[in-house]
């Protein structure tokens, strides 16, 4: 049976050393390399093609999220497990969206990390309970958001002016932008809100109280 080949990425030497010693003693594992920042991680991953990468998030040169994204783009079969001290919503979502299969905290027990590695090569995710809770809360929050809350500030301004029945030229003049730019914003607004035309957009703006009194 082939061993699971692991690359450890962390900017703290003692963390790398501790993980390396434990995992090297674990049956079926082989630590094939260590990296101290994201850039080095990407370079080593391309060279060594590990089965699993244990990835810290906050590192110099290149952070773990960007490194994860690059590794998954170049080595889609390599599983990336985030192993970090951070549990902020933004970091969790960014890491998952970048392609991380699991998200563990450094407070995890050694056997939990080993189990996550074995699960990763089978395509199965493992999430720290606090991370799973944060993800669920984030998804619930997104579901509760109104469609126009996904618009940029500029798109909201354009939507408000559409609600005031302004023409593209009038919107351009008021916002000091080109008519072509206004048309682009209108197209983006219709797409994001799932509307068919500017009339529906104007009605939406009025209905949701976006128009100035």
Protein backbone atom coordinates (compact mmCIF):
# COMPACT_ATOMS: atom_id res chain seq x y z
CA UNK A 1 0.00 0.00 0.00
CA UNK A 2 1.44 3.37 -1.03
CA UNK A 3 2.03 5.92 1.69
CA UNK A 4 0.20 9.25 1.76
CA UNK A 5 2.74 11.89 0.78
CA UNK A 6 2.44 15.07 2.85
CA UNK A 7 3.79 18.61 2.48
CA UNK A 8 3.74 20.75 5.65
CA UNK A 9 3.41 24.52 5.27
CA UNK A 10 3.82 26.82 8.28
CA UNK A 11 5.99 29.83 9.04
CA UNK A 12 6.79 28.55 12.53
CA UNK A 13 9.64 26.07 12.60
CA UNK A 14 8.53 24.36 15.81
CA UNK A 15 5.06 23.73 14.36
CA UNK A 16 6.57 22.19 11.23
CA UNK A 17 8.94 20.11 13.30
CA UNK A 18 6.23 18.82 15.63
CA UNK A 19 3.92 17.88 12.78
CA UNK A 20 6.72 16.28 10.84
CA UNK A 21 7.85 14.12 13.76
CA UNK A 22 4.33 12.93 14.58
CA UNK A 23 3.22 12.28 11.01
CA UNK A 24 6.47 10.47 10.14
CA UNK A 25 5.74 8.01 12.94
CA UNK A 26 2.15 7.49 11.81
CA UNK A 27 1.63 4.35 9.74
CA UNK A 28 0.94 5.03 6.07
CA UNK A 29 2.27 8.61 6.09
CA UNK A 30 5.38 10.11 4.53
CA UNK A 31 6.38 13.75 5.04
CA UNK A 32 8.07 14.71 1.77
CA UNK A 33 8.74 18.39 2.42
CA UNK A 34 8.27 21.52 4.51
CA UNK A 35 7.68 25.12 3.46
CA UNK A 36 7.78 28.29 5.56
CA UNK A 37 5.62 30.51 3.33
CA UNK A 38 3.01 30.23 0.59
CA UNK A 39 5.36 30.93 -2.28
CA UNK A 40 7.72 28.18 -1.20
CA UNK A 41 4.70 25.89 -0.73
CA UNK A 42 3.57 26.38 -4.32
CA UNK A 43 7.07 25.78 -5.64
CA UNK A 44 7.57 22.61 -3.57
CA UNK A 45 4.10 21.30 -4.37
CA UNK A 46 4.77 21.56 -8.10
CA UNK A 47 8.11 19.82 -7.65
CA UNK A 48 7.03 17.06 -5.24
CA UNK A 49 3.31 16.58 -6.14
CA UNK A 50 2.15 15.68 -2.61
CA UNK A 51 -1.11 13.88 -1.93
CA UNK A 52 -1.95 16.27 0.90
CA UNK A 53 -0.77 19.74 1.90
CA UNK A 54 -1.19 20.92 5.50
CA UNK A 55 -1.55 24.68 5.02
CA UNK A 56 -1.26 27.51 7.53
CA UNK A 57 -3.08 30.72 6.55
CA UNK A 58 -1.19 33.72 7.92
CA UNK A 59 2.32 33.61 6.45
CA UNK A 60 4.82 36.03 4.90
CA UNK A 61 5.48 36.42 1.16
CA UNK A 62 2.27 34.63 0.12
CA UNK A 63 -0.61 33.76 2.46
CA UNK A 64 -2.24 30.36 2.73
CA UNK A 65 -5.42 31.24 0.83
CA UNK A 66 -3.53 32.42 -2.26
CA UNK A 67 -1.13 29.50 -2.02
CA UNK A 68 -4.06 27.07 -1.79
CA UNK A 69 -5.67 28.58 -4.88
CA UNK A 70 -2.46 28.32 -6.91
CA UNK A 71 -1.78 24.75 -5.80
CA UNK A 72 -5.32 23.62 -6.67
CA UNK A 73 -5.10 25.31 -10.06
CA UNK A 74 -1.86 23.54 -10.90
CA UNK A 75 -2.37 20.29 -8.97
CA UNK A 76 -6.13 19.63 -8.76
CA UNK A 77 -5.60 16.13 -7.35
CA UNK A 78 -3.61 17.42 -4.38
CA UNK A 79 -5.81 17.88 -1.30
CA UNK A 80 -5.21 20.97 0.82
CA UNK A 81 -6.07 20.93 4.52
CA UNK A 82 -6.03 24.26 6.32
CA UNK A 83 -4.42 23.99 9.76
CA UNK A 84 -4.50 27.37 11.44
CA UNK A 85 -5.25 29.34 14.59
CA UNK A 86 -7.77 31.59 12.88
CA UNK A 87 -11.52 31.04 12.71
CA UNK A 88 -12.82 34.33 11.23
CA UNK A 89 -15.67 33.93 8.73
CA UNK A 90 -13.82 35.73 5.94
CA UNK A 91 -10.78 33.46 6.20
CA UNK A 92 -12.86 30.30 6.39
CA UNK A 93 -14.89 31.18 3.29
CA UNK A 94 -11.82 32.37 1.38
CA UNK A 95 -9.95 29.13 2.12
CA UNK A 96 -12.88 26.90 1.16
CA UNK A 97 -13.48 28.89 -2.03
CA UNK A 98 -9.77 28.62 -2.86
CA UNK A 99 -10.12 24.83 -2.83
CA UNK A 100 -9.27 23.64 0.70
CA UNK A 101 -11.04 20.37 1.45
CA UNK A 102 -10.81 20.62 5.25
CA UNK A 103 -10.35 23.35 7.85
CA UNK A 104 -8.83 22.46 11.21
CA UNK A 105 -7.56 24.55 14.09
CA UNK A 106 -4.15 24.05 15.67
CA UNK A 107 -5.94 23.06 18.86
CA UNK A 108 -6.93 19.83 17.06
CA UNK A 109 -5.60 16.62 18.53
CA UNK A 110 -2.92 14.73 16.61
CA UNK A 111 -5.26 11.83 15.80
CA UNK A 112 -7.82 14.29 14.41
CA UNK A 113 -5.23 15.72 12.00
CA UNK A 114 -4.25 12.20 10.96
CA UNK A 115 -7.91 11.31 10.38
CA UNK A 116 -8.40 14.46 8.29
CA UNK A 117 -5.43 13.52 6.11
CA UNK A 118 -6.80 10.04 5.48
CA UNK A 119 -10.23 11.50 4.72
CA UNK A 120 -8.75 14.08 2.34
CA UNK A 121 -7.24 11.48 0.03
CA UNK A 122 -10.70 9.91 -0.17
CA UNK A 123 -12.21 13.25 -1.11
CA UNK A 124 -13.93 13.69 2.26
CA UNK A 125 -13.97 16.92 4.26
CA UNK A 126 -13.29 17.44 7.95
CA UNK A 127 -14.20 20.71 9.69
CA UNK A 128 -13.44 21.81 13.23
CA UNK A 129 -16.82 22.13 15.03
CA UNK A 130 -16.36 25.89 15.50
CA UNK A 131 -15.60 26.24 11.80
CA UNK A 132 -18.69 24.25 10.85
CA UNK A 133 -20.78 26.52 13.08
CA UNK A 134 -19.29 29.65 11.50
CA UNK A 135 -19.94 28.30 7.99
CA UNK A 136 -23.56 27.50 8.82
CA UNK A 137 -24.09 30.97 10.28
CA UNK A 138 -22.47 32.57 7.24
CA UNK A 139 -24.72 30.62 4.84
CA UNK A 140 -27.79 31.57 6.85
CA UNK A 141 -26.75 35.21 6.80
CA UNK A 142 -26.29 35.10 3.02
CA UNK A 143 -29.72 33.56 2.55
CA UNK A 144 -31.24 36.40 4.56
CA UNK A 145 -29.56 39.11 2.50
CA UNK A 146 -31.63 41.01 -0.05
CA UNK A 147 -30.44 40.74 -3.67
CA UNK A 148 -29.44 44.41 -3.92
CA UNK A 149 -27.11 44.00 -0.93
CA UNK A 150 -24.81 42.12 -3.31
CA UNK A 151 -24.43 45.21 -5.53
CA UNK A 152 -21.40 47.47 -5.38
CA UNK A 153 -21.78 51.00 -4.01
CA UNK A 154 -21.70 52.42 -7.54
CA UNK A 155 -24.30 49.93 -8.78
CA UNK A 156 -26.56 50.91 -5.88
CA UNK A 157 -26.23 54.57 -6.91
CA UNK A 158 -27.19 53.70 -10.47
CA UNK A 159 -30.12 51.57 -9.26
CA UNK A 160 -31.36 54.44 -7.11
CA UNK A 161 -31.23 56.81 -10.09
CA UNK A 162 -33.05 54.27 -12.24
CA UNK A 163 -35.76 54.35 -9.60
CA UNK A 164 -35.94 58.11 -10.12
CA UNK A 165 -36.58 57.46 -13.83
CA UNK A 166 -33.29 59.02 -14.89
CA UNK A 167 -31.94 58.37 -18.38
CA UNK A 168 -28.47 56.93 -18.95
CA UNK A 169 -27.21 60.39 -19.85
CA UNK A 170 -28.71 61.95 -16.72
CA UNK A 171 -27.18 59.20 -14.57
CA UNK A 172 -23.81 59.74 -16.26
CA UNK A 173 -23.97 63.48 -15.62
CA UNK A 174 -24.94 63.09 -11.97
CA UNK A 175 -22.25 60.49 -11.21
CA UNK A 176 -19.57 62.04 -13.44
CA UNK A 177 -19.08 58.84 -15.43
CA UNK A 178 -19.48 57.94 -19.09
CA UNK A 179 -22.74 56.73 -20.63
CA UNK A 180 -20.99 53.51 -21.66
CA UNK A 181 -20.04 52.92 -18.02
CA UNK A 182 -23.65 53.52 -16.98
CA UNK A 183 -24.83 50.91 -19.49
CA UNK A 184 -22.34 48.42 -18.05
CA UNK A 185 -23.61 49.10 -14.51
CA UNK A 186 -27.23 48.70 -15.63
CA UNK A 187 -26.41 45.34 -17.26
CA UNK A 188 -24.67 44.16 -14.09
CA UNK A 189 -27.62 45.29 -11.96
CA UNK A 190 -30.14 43.43 -14.11
CA UNK A 191 -28.02 40.28 -14.04
CA UNK A 192 -27.43 40.34 -10.27
CA UNK A 193 -31.06 41.08 -9.43
CA UNK A 194 -32.48 38.69 -12.02
CA UNK A 195 -34.45 41.43 -13.76
CA UNK A 196 -35.28 41.75 -17.46
CA UNK A 197 -35.12 45.50 -18.08
CA UNK A 198 -34.54 48.93 -16.54
CA UNK A 199 -38.28 49.36 -15.88
CA UNK A 200 -38.23 46.34 -13.57
CA UNK A 201 -35.07 47.75 -11.98
CA UNK A 202 -36.82 51.07 -11.34
CA UNK A 203 -39.78 49.29 -9.75
CA UNK A 204 -37.39 47.21 -7.61
CA UNK A 205 -35.64 50.38 -6.40
CA UNK A 206 -38.91 52.02 -5.39
CA UNK A 207 -40.27 48.85 -3.78
CA UNK A 208 -37.17 48.45 -1.61
CA UNK A 209 -37.00 52.08 -0.53
CA UNK A 210 -33.80 52.92 -2.41
CA UNK A 211 -35.19 56.09 -3.99
CA UNK A 212 -34.73 59.41 -2.26
CA UNK A 213 -37.90 61.15 -1.07
